């Protein structure tokens, strides 16, 4: 499971002709689920995102997490995040988790964030979405969680 975090002043996502979710300060989290990812992966990665210290304190150091700054998450499922791009001129998506299983893991990820005290807005799973965001930094962080696999 991969999560691409981008620090934002605000962000929104639209699909099917209407805004599906919007946040003020916080993180846009693009979440990609791979074959073999589990609920335990989703839970652990969500807790890590909630506690990830990427917001500046009064001294300007990255010591604060989402809860410290009253931030929110705009959660966007993105299967292309797990594309294999190691060769050729076209990405391979063979590692992407099947849609229904991925939908369940994204929902679990969101539930754990909310249980950690982080408000979550979401895009529309499986839809073509238009994302608008005002980045801060810019600051982007790629987090991964992989269960033991053979």
N, C-alpha and C. Protein backbone atom coordinates (compact mmCIF):
# COMPACT_ATOMS: atom_id res chain seq x y z
N UNK A 1 0.86 -1.17 0.00
CA UNK A 1 0.00 0.00 0.00
C UNK A 1 0.90 1.22 0.00
N UNK A 2 0.55 2.17 -0.85
CA UNK A 2 1.32 3.41 -0.94
C UNK A 2 0.40 4.60 -0.69
N UNK A 3 0.95 5.57 0.03
CA UNK A 3 0.24 6.82 0.27
C UNK A 3 1.17 7.97 -0.11
N UNK A 4 0.72 8.78 -1.03
CA UNK A 4 1.44 10.00 -1.38
C UNK A 4 0.75 11.15 -0.67
N UNK A 5 1.48 11.80 0.24
CA UNK A 5 0.94 12.90 1.03
C UNK A 5 1.43 14.22 0.45
N UNK A 6 0.52 15.16 0.30
CA UNK A 6 0.90 16.50 -0.13
C UNK A 6 0.28 17.50 0.84
N UNK A 7 1.14 18.33 1.41
CA UNK A 7 0.69 19.34 2.38
C UNK A 7 -0.01 20.46 1.63
N UNK A 8 -1.20 20.84 2.12
CA UNK A 8 -2.00 21.85 1.42
C UNK A 8 -2.59 22.88 2.37
N UNK A 9 -2.87 24.06 1.79
CA UNK A 9 -3.62 25.10 2.51
C UNK A 9 -5.11 24.82 2.37
N UNK A 10 -5.48 24.23 1.21
CA UNK A 10 -6.86 23.82 0.96
C UNK A 10 -6.87 22.91 -0.26
N UNK A 11 -7.93 22.10 -0.37
CA UNK A 11 -8.05 21.20 -1.51
C UNK A 11 -9.50 20.76 -1.65
N UNK A 12 -9.85 20.40 -2.89
CA UNK A 12 -11.18 19.87 -3.15
C UNK A 12 -11.11 18.88 -4.30
N UNK A 13 -12.11 18.04 -4.38
CA UNK A 13 -12.21 17.05 -5.45
C UNK A 13 -13.65 17.05 -5.98
N UNK A 14 -13.75 17.04 -7.31
CA UNK A 14 -15.06 16.98 -7.96
C UNK A 14 -15.11 15.74 -8.84
N UNK A 15 -16.30 15.17 -8.95
CA UNK A 15 -16.56 14.03 -9.83
C UNK A 15 -18.05 14.02 -10.13
N UNK A 16 -18.38 13.56 -11.32
CA UNK A 16 -19.78 13.46 -11.72
C UNK A 16 -20.51 14.79 -11.58
N UNK A 17 -19.80 15.88 -11.89
CA UNK A 17 -20.43 17.18 -11.95
C UNK A 17 -20.62 17.91 -10.64
N UNK A 18 -20.06 17.38 -9.55
CA UNK A 18 -20.21 18.09 -8.28
C UNK A 18 -19.01 17.85 -7.38
N UNK A 19 -18.83 18.75 -6.42
CA UNK A 19 -17.75 18.61 -5.44
C UNK A 19 -18.10 17.44 -4.53
N UNK A 20 -17.16 16.52 -4.40
CA UNK A 20 -17.36 15.34 -3.55
C UNK A 20 -16.79 15.55 -2.16
N UNK A 21 -15.73 16.37 -2.07
CA UNK A 21 -15.10 16.60 -0.77
C UNK A 21 -14.18 17.79 -0.84
N UNK A 22 -13.99 18.45 0.30
CA UNK A 22 -13.11 19.61 0.37
C UNK A 22 -12.57 19.73 1.79
N UNK A 23 -11.34 20.26 1.88
CA UNK A 23 -10.72 20.50 3.19
C UNK A 23 -10.02 21.86 3.18
N UNK A 24 -9.75 22.35 4.37
CA UNK A 24 -8.87 23.50 4.53
C UNK A 24 -7.46 22.98 4.71
N UNK A 25 -6.69 23.52 5.65
CA UNK A 25 -5.32 23.07 5.84
C UNK A 25 -5.24 21.58 6.21
N UNK A 26 -4.23 20.92 5.66
CA UNK A 26 -4.04 19.51 5.96
C UNK A 26 -3.24 18.81 4.90
N UNK A 27 -3.67 17.59 4.59
CA UNK A 27 -2.97 16.75 3.62
C UNK A 27 -3.93 16.20 2.58
N UNK A 28 -3.51 16.24 1.33
CA UNK A 28 -4.16 15.42 0.31
C UNK A 28 -3.41 14.10 0.34
N UNK A 29 -4.15 13.00 0.47
CA UNK A 29 -3.54 11.67 0.52
C UNK A 29 -4.06 10.86 -0.66
N UNK A 30 -3.14 10.58 -1.59
CA UNK A 30 -3.44 9.68 -2.70
C UNK A 30 -3.07 8.29 -2.22
N UNK A 31 -4.03 7.35 -2.27
CA UNK A 31 -3.82 6.02 -1.70
C UNK A 31 -3.93 4.96 -2.77
N UNK A 32 -2.87 4.18 -2.94
CA UNK A 32 -2.85 3.08 -3.89
C UNK A 32 -2.75 1.75 -3.17
N UNK A 33 -3.61 0.82 -3.56
CA UNK A 33 -3.65 -0.50 -2.92
C UNK A 33 -3.13 -1.56 -3.90
N UNK A 34 -2.24 -2.42 -3.38
CA UNK A 34 -1.64 -3.48 -4.20
C UNK A 34 -2.19 -4.84 -3.80
N UNK A 35 -2.05 -5.78 -4.72
CA UNK A 35 -2.41 -7.17 -4.40
C UNK A 35 -1.63 -7.58 -3.16
N UNK A 36 -2.31 -8.23 -2.25
CA UNK A 36 -1.67 -8.68 -1.02
C UNK A 36 -1.81 -7.70 0.14
N UNK A 37 -2.24 -6.47 -0.13
CA UNK A 37 -2.46 -5.51 0.96
C UNK A 37 -3.63 -5.99 1.83
N UNK A 38 -3.52 -5.71 3.11
CA UNK A 38 -4.50 -6.20 4.08
C UNK A 38 -5.10 -5.04 4.89
N UNK A 39 -6.11 -5.37 5.67
CA UNK A 39 -6.68 -4.38 6.58
C UNK A 39 -5.62 -3.90 7.58
N UNK A 40 -4.76 -4.81 8.00
CA UNK A 40 -3.69 -4.43 8.94
C UNK A 40 -2.77 -3.38 8.28
N UNK A 41 -2.50 -3.52 6.99
CA UNK A 41 -1.69 -2.53 6.28
C UNK A 41 -2.41 -1.18 6.26
N UNK A 42 -3.70 -1.20 5.93
CA UNK A 42 -4.48 0.05 5.87
C UNK A 42 -4.50 0.72 7.24
N UNK A 43 -4.70 -0.05 8.29
CA UNK A 43 -4.76 0.51 9.64
C UNK A 43 -3.42 1.11 10.06
N UNK A 44 -2.34 0.37 9.83
CA UNK A 44 -1.02 0.86 10.23
C UNK A 44 -0.63 2.11 9.44
N UNK A 45 -0.90 2.11 8.14
CA UNK A 45 -0.53 3.26 7.33
C UNK A 45 -1.38 4.49 7.70
N UNK A 46 -2.65 4.28 7.98
CA UNK A 46 -3.52 5.40 8.39
C UNK A 46 -3.03 6.01 9.71
N UNK A 47 -2.66 5.16 10.66
CA UNK A 47 -2.14 5.68 11.93
C UNK A 47 -0.85 6.46 11.70
N UNK A 48 -0.02 5.97 10.80
CA UNK A 48 1.23 6.68 10.49
C UNK A 48 0.95 8.03 9.87
N UNK A 49 -0.01 8.09 8.95
CA UNK A 49 -0.37 9.37 8.33
C UNK A 49 -0.88 10.35 9.38
N UNK A 50 -1.74 9.89 10.27
CA UNK A 50 -2.29 10.76 11.32
C UNK A 50 -1.19 11.33 12.20
N UNK A 51 -0.14 10.56 12.41
CA UNK A 51 0.92 10.95 13.34
C UNK A 51 2.17 11.49 12.66
N UNK A 52 2.15 11.58 11.33
CA UNK A 52 3.32 11.99 10.57
C UNK A 52 3.57 13.48 10.77
N UNK A 53 4.74 13.83 11.29
CA UNK A 53 5.03 15.21 11.68
C UNK A 53 5.65 15.98 10.50
N UNK A 54 4.78 16.64 9.74
CA UNK A 54 5.23 17.38 8.55
C UNK A 54 4.77 18.83 8.55
N UNK A 55 4.25 19.27 9.69
CA UNK A 55 3.79 20.65 9.80
C UNK A 55 4.73 21.42 10.73
N UNK A 56 5.03 22.67 10.38
CA UNK A 56 6.02 23.42 11.16
C UNK A 56 5.49 23.84 12.53
N UNK A 57 6.40 23.78 13.52
CA UNK A 57 6.10 24.31 14.85
C UNK A 57 6.46 25.79 14.87
N UNK A 58 6.45 26.41 16.04
CA UNK A 58 6.73 27.84 16.14
C UNK A 58 8.16 28.19 15.72
N UNK A 59 9.06 27.20 15.75
CA UNK A 59 10.44 27.43 15.33
C UNK A 59 10.66 27.10 13.84
N UNK A 60 9.57 26.69 13.16
CA UNK A 60 9.68 26.37 11.74
C UNK A 60 10.14 24.96 11.44
N UNK A 61 10.26 24.12 12.48
CA UNK A 61 10.69 22.73 12.28
C UNK A 61 9.48 21.83 12.12
N UNK A 62 9.60 20.81 11.32
CA UNK A 62 8.50 19.86 11.09
C UNK A 62 8.34 18.95 12.30
N UNK A 63 7.60 19.42 13.27
CA UNK A 63 7.40 18.68 14.51
C UNK A 63 5.93 18.42 14.84
N UNK A 64 5.00 18.90 14.00
CA UNK A 64 3.58 18.80 14.32
C UNK A 64 2.88 17.86 13.34
N UNK A 65 1.88 17.14 13.84
CA UNK A 65 1.10 16.26 12.98
C UNK A 65 -0.27 16.89 12.71
N UNK A 66 -1.09 16.19 11.95
CA UNK A 66 -2.41 16.69 11.58
C UNK A 66 -3.24 17.11 12.78
N UNK A 67 -3.22 16.31 13.83
CA UNK A 67 -4.03 16.62 15.01
C UNK A 67 -3.53 17.86 15.72
N UNK A 68 -2.21 18.04 15.74
CA UNK A 68 -1.62 19.21 16.40
C UNK A 68 -2.06 20.51 15.74
N UNK A 69 -2.22 20.48 14.41
CA UNK A 69 -2.55 21.71 13.68
C UNK A 69 -4.03 21.81 13.32
N UNK A 70 -4.84 20.86 13.76
CA UNK A 70 -6.26 20.86 13.42
C UNK A 70 -6.49 20.62 11.94
N UNK A 71 -5.62 19.85 11.32
CA UNK A 71 -5.70 19.60 9.88
C UNK A 71 -6.64 18.46 9.54
N UNK A 72 -6.96 18.37 8.26
CA UNK A 72 -7.84 17.33 7.74
C UNK A 72 -7.14 16.62 6.59
N UNK A 73 -7.76 15.54 6.14
CA UNK A 73 -7.26 14.77 5.01
C UNK A 73 -8.30 14.75 3.90
N UNK A 74 -7.85 15.01 2.68
CA UNK A 74 -8.66 14.74 1.49
C UNK A 74 -8.10 13.43 0.94
N UNK A 75 -8.86 12.35 1.05
CA UNK A 75 -8.42 11.01 0.69
C UNK A 75 -8.89 10.66 -0.72
N UNK A 76 -7.91 10.34 -1.57
CA UNK A 76 -8.21 10.06 -2.97
C UNK A 76 -7.64 8.70 -3.36
N UNK A 77 -8.50 7.71 -3.62
CA UNK A 77 -7.99 6.43 -4.09
C UNK A 77 -7.35 6.62 -5.46
N UNK A 78 -6.16 6.02 -5.66
CA UNK A 78 -5.46 6.22 -6.92
C UNK A 78 -4.68 4.96 -7.27
N UNK A 79 -5.29 4.09 -8.09
CA UNK A 79 -4.63 2.84 -8.43
C UNK A 79 -3.36 3.06 -9.24
N UNK A 80 -3.25 4.18 -9.94
CA UNK A 80 -2.04 4.43 -10.73
C UNK A 80 -0.80 4.62 -9.86
N UNK A 81 -1.00 4.86 -8.58
CA UNK A 81 0.12 5.04 -7.66
C UNK A 81 0.92 3.75 -7.47
N UNK A 82 0.32 2.61 -7.78
CA UNK A 82 1.02 1.33 -7.64
C UNK A 82 1.46 0.77 -8.99
N UNK A 83 1.47 1.61 -10.01
CA UNK A 83 1.90 1.17 -11.33
C UNK A 83 3.36 0.74 -11.32
N UNK A 84 3.66 -0.27 -12.12
CA UNK A 84 5.04 -0.69 -12.33
C UNK A 84 5.56 0.09 -13.53
N UNK A 85 6.54 0.94 -13.29
CA UNK A 85 7.08 1.82 -14.35
C UNK A 85 8.54 1.51 -14.63
N UNK A 86 9.00 0.34 -14.21
CA UNK A 86 10.42 0.03 -14.32
C UNK A 86 10.92 -0.18 -15.75
N UNK A 87 10.04 -0.52 -16.66
CA UNK A 87 10.51 -0.73 -18.03
C UNK A 87 9.44 -0.31 -19.03
N UNK A 88 9.90 -0.04 -20.24
CA UNK A 88 8.99 0.30 -21.32
C UNK A 88 8.46 1.71 -21.22
N UNK A 89 7.51 2.00 -22.08
CA UNK A 89 6.92 3.33 -22.17
C UNK A 89 5.45 3.36 -21.76
N UNK A 90 5.01 2.30 -21.11
CA UNK A 90 3.63 2.24 -20.67
C UNK A 90 3.60 1.57 -19.29
N UNK A 91 2.89 2.16 -18.34
CA UNK A 91 2.84 1.55 -17.00
C UNK A 91 2.04 0.26 -17.01
N UNK A 92 2.42 -0.62 -16.09
CA UNK A 92 1.68 -1.87 -15.88
C UNK A 92 0.92 -1.76 -14.56
N UNK A 93 -0.32 -2.22 -14.58
CA UNK A 93 -1.15 -2.14 -13.38
C UNK A 93 -1.47 -3.52 -12.80
N UNK A 94 -0.63 -4.50 -13.11
CA UNK A 94 -0.89 -5.86 -12.65
C UNK A 94 -0.84 -5.99 -11.13
N UNK A 95 -0.13 -5.10 -10.46
CA UNK A 95 -0.04 -5.15 -9.00
C UNK A 95 -1.22 -4.46 -8.30
N UNK A 96 -2.03 -3.73 -9.04
CA UNK A 96 -3.16 -3.02 -8.43
C UNK A 96 -4.18 -4.02 -7.90
N UNK A 97 -4.70 -3.73 -6.73
CA UNK A 97 -5.71 -4.57 -6.10
C UNK A 97 -7.03 -4.43 -6.83
N UNK A 98 -7.78 -5.50 -6.90
CA UNK A 98 -9.09 -5.47 -7.56
C UNK A 98 -9.98 -4.42 -6.88
N UNK A 99 -10.85 -3.77 -7.65
CA UNK A 99 -11.60 -2.61 -7.15
C UNK A 99 -12.39 -2.83 -5.86
N UNK A 100 -13.13 -3.91 -5.72
CA UNK A 100 -13.96 -4.07 -4.52
C UNK A 100 -13.10 -4.25 -3.27
N UNK A 101 -12.02 -4.99 -3.39
CA UNK A 101 -11.11 -5.16 -2.25
C UNK A 101 -10.43 -3.84 -1.92
N UNK A 102 -10.03 -3.09 -2.94
CA UNK A 102 -9.41 -1.78 -2.71
C UNK A 102 -10.39 -0.82 -2.05
N UNK A 103 -11.65 -0.85 -2.49
CA UNK A 103 -12.68 0.02 -1.89
C UNK A 103 -12.79 -0.23 -0.39
N UNK A 104 -12.74 -1.50 0.00
CA UNK A 104 -12.83 -1.85 1.43
C UNK A 104 -11.61 -1.33 2.20
N UNK A 105 -10.43 -1.45 1.60
CA UNK A 105 -9.22 -0.97 2.29
C UNK A 105 -9.20 0.54 2.40
N UNK A 106 -9.66 1.23 1.38
CA UNK A 106 -9.72 2.70 1.43
C UNK A 106 -10.70 3.12 2.53
N UNK A 107 -11.83 2.44 2.61
CA UNK A 107 -12.82 2.75 3.65
C UNK A 107 -12.23 2.50 5.04
N UNK A 108 -11.47 1.43 5.19
CA UNK A 108 -10.85 1.13 6.49
C UNK A 108 -9.80 2.19 6.85
N UNK A 109 -9.01 2.59 5.85
CA UNK A 109 -8.01 3.64 6.03
C UNK A 109 -8.70 4.92 6.54
N UNK A 110 -9.80 5.31 5.91
CA UNK A 110 -10.53 6.52 6.32
C UNK A 110 -11.07 6.39 7.73
N UNK A 111 -11.62 5.22 8.06
CA UNK A 111 -12.19 5.00 9.39
C UNK A 111 -11.12 5.12 10.48
N UNK A 112 -9.93 4.60 10.21
CA UNK A 112 -8.85 4.68 11.21
C UNK A 112 -8.39 6.13 11.37
N UNK A 113 -8.27 6.87 10.27
CA UNK A 113 -7.92 8.29 10.38
C UNK A 113 -8.92 9.02 11.27
N UNK A 114 -10.20 8.79 11.02
CA UNK A 114 -11.24 9.45 11.81
C UNK A 114 -11.17 9.03 13.27
N UNK A 115 -10.89 7.75 13.53
CA UNK A 115 -10.74 7.28 14.91
C UNK A 115 -9.53 7.94 15.59
N UNK A 116 -8.54 8.33 14.80
CA UNK A 116 -7.36 9.02 15.32
C UNK A 116 -7.64 10.52 15.53
N UNK A 117 -8.85 10.97 15.20
CA UNK A 117 -9.21 12.37 15.41
C UNK A 117 -8.94 13.27 14.22
N UNK A 118 -8.76 12.68 13.03
CA UNK A 118 -8.49 13.45 11.82
C UNK A 118 -9.73 13.47 10.95
N UNK A 119 -10.29 14.66 10.66
CA UNK A 119 -11.43 14.73 9.75
C UNK A 119 -11.01 14.29 8.35
N UNK A 120 -11.90 13.55 7.67
CA UNK A 120 -11.59 13.02 6.34
C UNK A 120 -12.70 13.39 5.36
N UNK A 121 -12.30 13.96 4.22
CA UNK A 121 -13.18 14.14 3.07
C UNK A 121 -12.64 13.21 2.00
N UNK A 122 -13.52 12.75 1.11
CA UNK A 122 -13.07 11.76 0.14
C UNK A 122 -13.53 12.07 -1.27
N UNK A 123 -12.77 11.51 -2.20
CA UNK A 123 -13.19 11.51 -3.59
C UNK A 123 -14.17 10.38 -3.81
N UNK A 124 -14.54 10.17 -5.06
CA UNK A 124 -15.49 9.13 -5.43
C UNK A 124 -14.72 7.96 -6.01
N UNK A 125 -14.77 6.84 -5.33
CA UNK A 125 -14.00 5.67 -5.73
C UNK A 125 -14.38 5.26 -7.16
N UNK A 126 -13.36 5.05 -7.98
CA UNK A 126 -13.56 4.55 -9.34
C UNK A 126 -13.95 5.60 -10.36
N UNK A 127 -14.11 6.84 -9.94
CA UNK A 127 -14.53 7.90 -10.86
C UNK A 127 -13.32 8.67 -11.37
N UNK A 128 -13.49 9.32 -12.50
CA UNK A 128 -12.51 10.28 -12.96
C UNK A 128 -12.76 11.54 -12.14
N UNK A 129 -11.73 12.02 -11.45
CA UNK A 129 -11.89 13.13 -10.53
C UNK A 129 -11.05 14.32 -10.96
N UNK A 130 -11.54 15.50 -10.62
CA UNK A 130 -10.79 16.73 -10.82
C UNK A 130 -10.37 17.22 -9.44
N UNK A 131 -9.06 17.32 -9.24
CA UNK A 131 -8.53 17.70 -7.93
C UNK A 131 -7.96 19.11 -8.03
N UNK A 132 -8.36 19.94 -7.09
CA UNK A 132 -7.80 21.29 -6.98
C UNK A 132 -7.14 21.37 -5.60
N UNK A 133 -5.90 21.85 -5.60
CA UNK A 133 -5.22 21.98 -4.32
C UNK A 133 -4.26 23.15 -4.34
N UNK A 134 -4.14 23.77 -3.19
CA UNK A 134 -3.17 24.84 -2.99
C UNK A 134 -2.09 24.25 -2.10
N UNK A 135 -0.96 23.89 -2.72
CA UNK A 135 0.12 23.25 -1.99
C UNK A 135 0.87 24.22 -1.11
N UNK A 136 1.43 23.68 -0.04
CA UNK A 136 2.26 24.45 0.88
C UNK A 136 3.64 23.80 0.91
N UNK A 137 4.64 24.54 0.58
CA UNK A 137 6.01 24.04 0.60
C UNK A 137 6.71 24.28 -0.72
N UNK A 138 6.46 23.53 -1.74
CA UNK A 138 5.66 22.30 -1.77
C UNK A 138 6.31 21.21 -0.92
N UNK A 139 5.45 20.37 -0.37
CA UNK A 139 5.94 19.28 0.46
C UNK A 139 5.14 18.02 0.13
N UNK A 140 5.83 17.00 -0.38
CA UNK A 140 5.23 15.72 -0.72
C UNK A 140 6.03 14.60 -0.07
N UNK A 141 5.33 13.57 0.40
CA UNK A 141 5.98 12.46 1.10
C UNK A 141 5.33 11.16 0.65
N UNK A 142 6.16 10.17 0.30
CA UNK A 142 5.66 8.88 -0.13
C UNK A 142 5.88 7.88 1.01
N UNK A 143 4.78 7.34 1.52
CA UNK A 143 4.84 6.33 2.58
C UNK A 143 4.38 5.00 2.02
N UNK A 144 5.00 3.92 2.49
CA UNK A 144 4.61 2.60 2.04
C UNK A 144 4.43 1.67 3.23
N UNK A 145 3.56 0.71 3.02
CA UNK A 145 3.36 -0.35 4.00
C UNK A 145 3.18 -1.63 3.20
N UNK A 146 4.01 -2.60 3.46
CA UNK A 146 3.92 -3.88 2.78
C UNK A 146 3.90 -4.98 3.82
N UNK A 147 2.88 -5.82 3.76
CA UNK A 147 2.87 -7.01 4.60
C UNK A 147 3.95 -7.95 4.11
N UNK A 148 4.31 -8.91 4.92
CA UNK A 148 5.27 -9.92 4.47
C UNK A 148 4.67 -10.66 3.30
N UNK A 149 5.43 -10.73 2.22
CA UNK A 149 4.95 -11.44 1.02
C UNK A 149 6.07 -12.31 0.51
N UNK A 150 5.68 -13.36 -0.17
CA UNK A 150 6.70 -14.23 -0.78
C UNK A 150 7.00 -13.77 -2.17
